[in-house]
Amino acid sequence: MAVIETPGSTRPDTDPRLRAGIGFVVVFLAGLAPTFGTYPTPTSTPAQVLAYFSGHHVVTSINELSQAVAAVGLVVFTAGLAATFGGRAAPQLVAAGTLAASALFVGAALFNVLSLPELADQPALAAAIYHLGFMIGGPGHVVALAVLIGTTAIAGRRSGRLPGWLTVAGFVIAALGLLSALNFATPMLPSALVVPFIPAGRFPGYLFLAATAVVLRRERT
């Protein structure tokens, strides 16, 4: 039997797991705040990387825990997106969201290893682990996130469940996120040129996901 909607009626409630999208963003940013401006960069020397992780156990532990918890929230949110939009977009959303969450989780796990005392006299190994964690949790995560955002924007536009301004923003953010894949071309491309695409795709992307969660939870016919 078809469901007939009358003016002023509401659509069937969207999946409650969409709330996890806001939690994902809040938890990630809360864990990142203590490290802002002090975290090693891809151009840091092995000694600088090792000194940071060996001298900031509490801060790095908070950051890594928040990323692990945020990754779980992203998986839950993605499941809510897939259930809300359904159709052909559902498996694409699940795949992209799972990959983005996995990259975030693995990156956090690798950074956690850097705090082990066994690495205290092995700066070269610590630097290698750091760069692996950076590539997985940085451009690896952001590229998968870009696919999730782009697919969400397409599904939202086709279904009419997301406003035009938000879907356009999603397409732009997804394009920036995909450009972060250029980090895999270093050292052929200088880090200063390609690293900015990571935050450009990450933080606006997180805001897009949070805005999507709010819009879908509050939508009305």
Protein backbone atom coordinates (compact mmCIF):
# COMPACT_ATOMS: atom_id res chain seq x y z
CA MET A 1 0.00 0.00 0.00
CA ALA A 2 1.42 3.39 -0.96
CA VAL A 3 1.99 5.98 1.72
CA ILE A 4 0.24 9.26 0.91
CA GLU A 5 1.76 12.39 2.39
CA THR A 6 -0.42 15.45 2.92
CA PRO A 7 0.77 19.04 3.28
CA GLY A 8 2.20 19.60 6.71
CA SER A 9 2.82 15.91 7.36
CA THR A 10 6.28 14.62 8.10
CA ARG A 11 8.26 12.07 6.22
CA PRO A 12 9.02 8.77 7.92
CA ASP A 13 11.66 9.43 10.56
CA THR A 14 15.22 9.24 9.29
CA ASP A 15 17.58 6.70 10.82
CA PRO A 16 18.51 7.65 14.42
CA ARG A 17 22.10 6.56 13.80
CA LEU A 18 22.60 9.83 11.90
CA ARG A 19 23.14 11.48 15.28
CA ALA A 20 26.48 9.68 15.40
CA GLY A 21 27.71 12.02 12.65
CA ILE A 22 27.66 14.96 15.04
CA GLY A 23 29.28 12.86 17.76
CA PHE A 24 32.00 11.81 15.35
CA VAL A 25 32.93 15.42 14.60
CA VAL A 26 32.78 16.56 18.24
CA VAL A 27 34.90 13.68 19.54
CA PHE A 28 37.54 14.05 16.83
CA LEU A 29 37.91 17.81 17.30
CA ALA A 30 37.95 17.51 21.10
CA GLY A 31 40.86 15.08 20.92
CA LEU A 32 42.69 17.17 18.35
CA ALA A 33 42.49 20.45 20.29
CA PRO A 34 45.33 19.71 22.78
CA THR A 35 47.75 18.94 19.94
CA PHE A 36 46.91 21.95 17.78
CA GLY A 37 50.04 23.66 16.50
CA THR A 38 52.45 21.24 18.18
CA TYR A 39 52.01 17.98 16.28
CA PRO A 40 54.91 16.81 14.07
CA THR A 41 54.63 17.48 10.35
CA PRO A 42 55.81 15.38 7.39
CA THR A 43 58.93 17.56 7.26
CA SER A 44 59.86 16.95 10.93
CA THR A 45 63.14 15.16 11.53
CA PRO A 46 63.19 11.66 13.09
CA ALA A 47 64.54 13.16 16.31
CA GLN A 48 61.69 15.69 16.45
CA VAL A 49 59.07 12.99 15.89
CA LEU A 50 60.48 10.76 18.58
CA ALA A 51 60.89 13.65 21.03
CA TYR A 52 57.28 14.70 20.60
CA PHE A 53 55.69 11.29 21.13
CA SER A 54 58.01 10.35 23.98
CA GLY A 55 57.45 13.66 25.78
CA HIS A 56 53.69 14.13 25.35
CA HIS A 57 52.19 10.83 26.48
CA VAL A 58 48.97 12.26 27.92
CA VAL A 59 48.20 14.57 24.99
CA THR A 60 48.94 11.97 22.34
CA SER A 61 46.97 9.29 24.20
CA ILE A 62 43.92 11.56 24.33
CA ASN A 63 44.25 12.34 20.65
CA GLU A 64 44.63 8.70 19.62
CA LEU A 65 41.75 7.55 21.81
CA SER A 66 39.48 10.25 20.40
CA GLN A 67 40.33 9.21 16.84
CA ALA A 68 39.58 5.57 17.60
CA VAL A 69 36.23 6.45 19.17
CA ALA A 70 35.45 8.87 16.34
CA ALA A 71 36.14 6.10 13.81
CA VAL A 72 33.45 3.97 15.45
CA GLY A 73 31.05 6.93 15.31
CA LEU A 74 31.76 7.35 11.61
CA VAL A 75 30.86 3.72 10.95
CA VAL A 76 27.57 4.11 12.82
CA PHE A 77 26.80 7.37 11.01
CA THR A 78 27.53 5.80 7.64
CA ALA A 79 25.13 2.96 8.39
CA GLY A 80 22.49 5.58 9.16
CA LEU A 81 23.18 7.37 5.88
CA ALA A 82 22.88 4.13 3.93
CA ALA A 83 19.59 3.26 5.64
CA THR A 84 18.22 6.78 5.06
CA PHE A 85 19.04 7.06 1.36
CA GLY A 86 18.89 3.37 0.45
CA GLY A 87 18.97 2.30 -3.19
CA ARG A 88 22.15 2.19 -5.20
CA ALA A 89 23.84 4.73 -2.95
CA ALA A 90 23.68 2.49 0.14
CA PRO A 91 26.54 0.05 -0.65
CA GLN A 92 28.73 2.90 -1.91
CA LEU A 93 28.14 4.85 1.29
CA VAL A 94 28.92 1.83 3.47
CA ALA A 95 32.11 1.04 1.54
CA ALA A 96 33.43 4.61 1.59
CA GLY A 97 32.50 5.19 5.23
CA THR A 98 34.04 1.93 6.38
CA LEU A 99 37.25 2.68 4.49
CA ALA A 100 37.45 6.21 5.92
CA ALA A 101 36.84 4.96 9.46
CA SER A 102 39.37 2.14 9.07
CA ALA A 103 42.06 4.55 7.86
CA LEU A 104 41.39 6.84 10.83
CA PHE A 105 41.54 3.92 13.28
CA VAL A 106 44.73 2.41 11.84
CA GLY A 107 46.43 5.80 11.75
CA ALA A 108 45.63 6.32 15.43
CA ALA A 109 46.94 2.84 16.27
CA LEU A 110 50.24 3.53 14.52
CA PHE A 111 50.68 6.85 16.33
CA ASN A 112 50.01 5.06 19.60
CA VAL A 113 52.94 2.73 18.89
CA LEU A 114 55.24 5.75 18.77
CA SER A 115 54.81 6.23 22.52
CA LEU A 116 56.37 2.85 23.32
CA PRO A 117 59.66 3.12 25.26
CA GLU A 118 61.17 0.45 23.00
CA LEU A 119 61.47 3.11 20.28
CA ALA A 120 63.38 5.56 22.48
CA ASP A 121 66.71 4.84 20.78
CA GLN A 122 65.34 4.14 17.29
CA PRO A 123 64.44 7.53 15.76
CA ALA A 124 64.61 6.22 12.18
CA LEU A 125 62.06 3.47 12.91
CA ALA A 126 59.86 5.95 14.79
CA ALA A 127 59.93 8.33 11.83
CA ALA A 128 58.98 5.51 9.45
CA ILE A 129 56.02 4.51 11.64
CA TYR A 130 54.97 8.15 11.92
CA HIS A 131 54.97 8.67 8.15
CA LEU A 132 53.01 5.44 7.63
CA GLY A 133 50.43 6.58 10.18
CA PHE A 134 50.33 10.02 8.58
CA MET A 135 49.71 8.65 5.09
CA ILE A 136 46.97 6.28 6.27
CA GLY A 137 45.25 8.65 8.68
CA GLY A 138 45.88 11.73 6.55
CA PRO A 139 45.41 11.48 2.77
CA GLY A 140 44.23 7.87 2.99
CA HIS A 141 41.40 8.83 5.31
CA VAL A 142 40.58 12.08 3.49
CA VAL A 143 40.34 10.44 0.05
CA ALA A 144 37.88 7.86 1.38
CA LEU A 145 36.03 10.66 3.19
CA ALA A 146 35.80 12.55 -0.11
CA VAL A 147 34.12 9.56 -1.76
CA LEU A 148 31.67 9.37 1.16
CA ILE A 149 30.90 13.09 0.91
CA GLY A 150 30.52 13.04 -2.87
CA THR A 151 28.20 10.04 -2.76
CA THR A 152 26.15 11.67 -0.01
CA ALA A 153 25.85 14.89 -2.01
CA ILE A 154 24.71 13.00 -5.10
CA ALA A 155 22.16 10.96 -3.15
CA GLY A 156 20.92 14.08 -1.37
CA ARG A 157 20.47 15.98 -4.63
CA ARG A 158 18.72 13.13 -6.45
CA SER A 159 16.36 12.46 -3.57
CA GLY A 160 15.78 16.12 -2.79
CA ARG A 161 16.54 15.47 0.85
CA LEU A 162 19.49 17.87 1.02
CA PRO A 163 19.32 21.55 0.04
CA GLY A 164 21.11 22.67 -3.09
CA TRP A 165 23.69 24.78 -1.26
CA LEU A 166 24.74 21.80 0.85
CA THR A 167 25.10 19.44 -2.09
CA VAL A 168 27.19 22.00 -4.01
CA ALA A 169 29.39 22.44 -0.96
CA GLY A 170 29.71 18.66 -0.78
CA PHE A 171 30.92 18.44 -4.37
CA VAL A 172 33.55 21.15 -3.79
CA ILE A 173 34.76 19.57 -0.55
CA ALA A 174 34.91 16.13 -2.18
CA ALA A 175 37.07 17.52 -4.99
CA LEU A 176 39.49 19.07 -2.48
CA GLY A 177 39.62 15.82 -0.54
CA LEU A 178 40.43 13.80 -3.63
CA LEU A 179 43.32 16.16 -4.37
CA SER A 180 44.88 15.12 -1.06
CA ALA A 181 45.84 11.90 -2.88
CA LEU A 182 48.67 14.00 -4.37
CA ASN A 183 50.49 13.42 -1.07
CA PHE A 184 51.25 9.94 -2.33
CA ALA A 185 53.36 11.57 -5.05
CA THR A 186 55.89 12.98 -2.57
CA PRO A 187 58.80 13.55 -2.71
CA MET A 188 58.23 14.14 -6.42
CA LEU A 189 55.81 16.89 -5.35
CA PRO A 190 56.90 19.11 -2.44
CA SER A 191 55.00 18.54 0.82
CA ALA A 192 54.26 22.25 1.20
CA LEU A 193 52.27 22.09 -2.04
CA VAL A 194 50.13 19.01 -1.38
CA VAL A 195 49.73 18.73 2.42
CA PRO A 196 47.21 21.65 2.58
CA PHE A 197 44.70 19.54 0.66
CA ILE A 198 44.41 17.25 3.70
CA PRO A 199 42.88 19.82 6.09
CA ALA A 200 41.02 21.40 3.17
CA GLY A 201 39.21 18.13 2.60
CA ARG A 202 39.06 16.96 6.21
CA PHE A 203 37.61 19.79 8.31
CA PRO A 204 35.06 21.20 5.83
CA GLY A 205 34.19 17.55 5.15
CA TYR A 206 33.47 16.95 8.82
CA LEU A 207 31.26 20.04 8.91
CA PHE A 208 29.43 18.78 5.82
CA LEU A 209 28.70 15.44 7.51
CA ALA A 210 27.48 17.18 10.67
CA ALA A 211 25.27 19.53 8.63
CA THR A 212 23.90 16.57 6.69
CA ALA A 213 23.01 14.81 9.94
CA VAL A 214 21.18 17.90 11.21
CA VAL A 215 19.29 18.50 7.94
CA LEU A 216 18.18 14.90 7.55
CA ARG A 217 17.06 14.65 11.15
CA ARG A 218 15.00 17.84 10.88
CA GLU A 219 13.67 17.50 7.35
CA ARG A 220 9.98 18.14 6.66
CA THR A 221 7.86 17.90 3.52
